[in-house]
Protein backbone atom coordinates (compact mmCIF):
# COMPACT_ATOMS: atom_id res chain seq x y z
CA MET A 1 -14.11 23.22 9.13
CA GLY A 2 -17.20 25.13 10.28
CA ILE A 3 -18.41 26.81 13.40
CA VAL A 4 -21.23 25.28 15.38
CA LYS A 5 -22.96 27.41 17.99
CA ILE A 6 -23.90 25.51 21.16
CA SER A 7 -25.32 26.53 24.52
CA SER A 8 -23.03 27.48 27.41
CA GLU A 9 -24.33 24.46 29.32
CA ILE A 10 -23.41 22.00 26.57
CA HIS A 11 -20.01 23.68 26.19
CA GLU A 12 -19.34 23.28 29.85
CA ASN A 13 -20.33 19.61 29.71
CA ILE A 14 -17.96 19.11 26.79
CA ARG A 15 -15.18 20.97 28.60
CA VAL A 16 -15.55 18.73 31.71
CA ALA A 17 -15.75 15.57 29.64
CA SER A 18 -12.78 16.54 27.51
CA LYS A 19 -10.68 16.98 30.62
CA ALA A 20 -11.73 13.58 32.03
CA MET A 21 -11.13 11.84 28.73
CA THR A 22 -7.92 13.69 27.99
CA ARG A 23 -9.25 15.02 24.65
CA SER A 24 -9.38 18.55 23.34
CA ILE A 25 -12.72 20.24 23.60
CA ASN A 26 -13.11 19.99 19.81
CA ALA A 27 -12.16 16.29 19.81
CA GLN A 28 -14.68 15.57 22.61
CA ALA A 29 -17.47 17.44 20.79
CA GLU A 30 -16.64 15.56 17.57
CA HIS A 31 -16.65 12.24 19.43
CA TRP A 32 -20.05 12.92 20.93
CA MET A 33 -21.46 14.04 17.58
CA LYS A 34 -20.11 10.92 15.88
CA ILE A 35 -21.58 8.62 18.53
CA GLY A 36 -24.89 10.43 18.42
CA MET A 37 -25.06 10.35 14.63
CA LEU A 38 -24.30 6.64 14.56
CA ALA A 39 -26.85 5.96 17.29
CA GLU A 40 -29.55 7.81 15.44
CA ARG A 41 -28.80 5.99 12.20
CA ASN A 42 -28.57 2.60 13.93
CA PRO A 43 -31.14 2.49 16.78
CA GLY A 44 -30.64 -1.27 17.15
CA LEU A 45 -27.09 -0.85 18.39
CA ASN A 46 -26.13 0.06 21.92
CA TYR A 47 -23.25 2.35 22.93
CA GLY A 48 -20.89 -0.52 23.51
CA GLU A 49 -21.56 -2.00 20.05
CA ILE A 50 -20.95 1.35 18.43
CA LEU A 51 -17.71 1.82 20.31
CA SER A 52 -16.59 -1.72 19.38
CA LEU A 53 -17.16 -0.95 15.71
CA LEU A 54 -15.28 2.38 15.97
CA LEU A 55 -12.35 0.68 17.73
CA ARG A 56 -12.24 -2.11 15.12
CA GLU A 57 -12.17 0.47 12.33
CA ALA A 58 -9.43 2.49 14.09
CA GLU A 59 -7.27 -0.63 14.63
CA GLN A 60 -7.68 -1.67 10.96
CA SER A 61 -7.01 1.78 9.59
CA SER A 62 -3.84 2.13 11.64
CA GLN A 63 -2.35 -1.07 10.14
CA PRO A 64 -0.37 -0.34 6.97
CA GLU A 65 -1.66 -2.11 3.86
CA ASN A 66 0.83 -4.70 2.70
CA GLN A 67 0.62 -6.37 -0.59
CA ASN A 68 2.56 -9.35 0.78
CA THR A 69 0.17 -10.31 3.54
CA PRO A 70 -0.53 -14.03 4.14
CA ALA A 71 -3.55 -15.51 2.42
CA ASN A 72 -5.31 -16.15 5.75
CA THR A 73 -5.24 -12.46 6.72
CA PRO A 74 -8.79 -11.09 6.81
CA PRO A 75 -9.49 -8.18 4.40
CA ARG A 76 -9.72 -4.63 5.75
CA ALA A 77 -13.06 -3.59 7.07
CA LYS A 78 -15.54 -1.55 5.07
CA PRO A 79 -16.01 2.05 6.14
CA ILE A 80 -17.72 2.42 9.56
CA GLN A 81 -21.09 3.42 8.14
CA ALA A 82 -21.29 0.29 6.11
CA GLN A 83 -20.32 -1.84 9.13
CA VAL A 84 -22.81 -0.17 11.38
CA THR A 85 -25.61 -0.47 8.86
CA ASN A 86 -24.82 -4.16 8.30
CA ALA A 87 -24.68 -4.77 12.05
CA ALA A 88 -28.02 -3.04 12.55
CA ALA A 89 -29.56 -5.25 9.89
CA ARG A 90 -28.53 -8.32 11.93
CA HIS A 91 -30.45 -7.11 15.03
């Protein structure tokens, strides 16, 4: 873990947003940084598409891996960066 220096104005914006979204200040800052990073790396995706990919990854990563899953169960998703890059290539 590292320390990132930000302006007082941005800190206040993060504080307000974290309260509204019921996240810690650190979690809100990390969320915004992740969204911003993915948006810069994938300019063809909009905010909703990025959130959909993050939600899909979170859902899949929260399901325990089971060796006895039915044959028609889809495989787990690739890491988010691979998903986003592949999605951007389709646009």
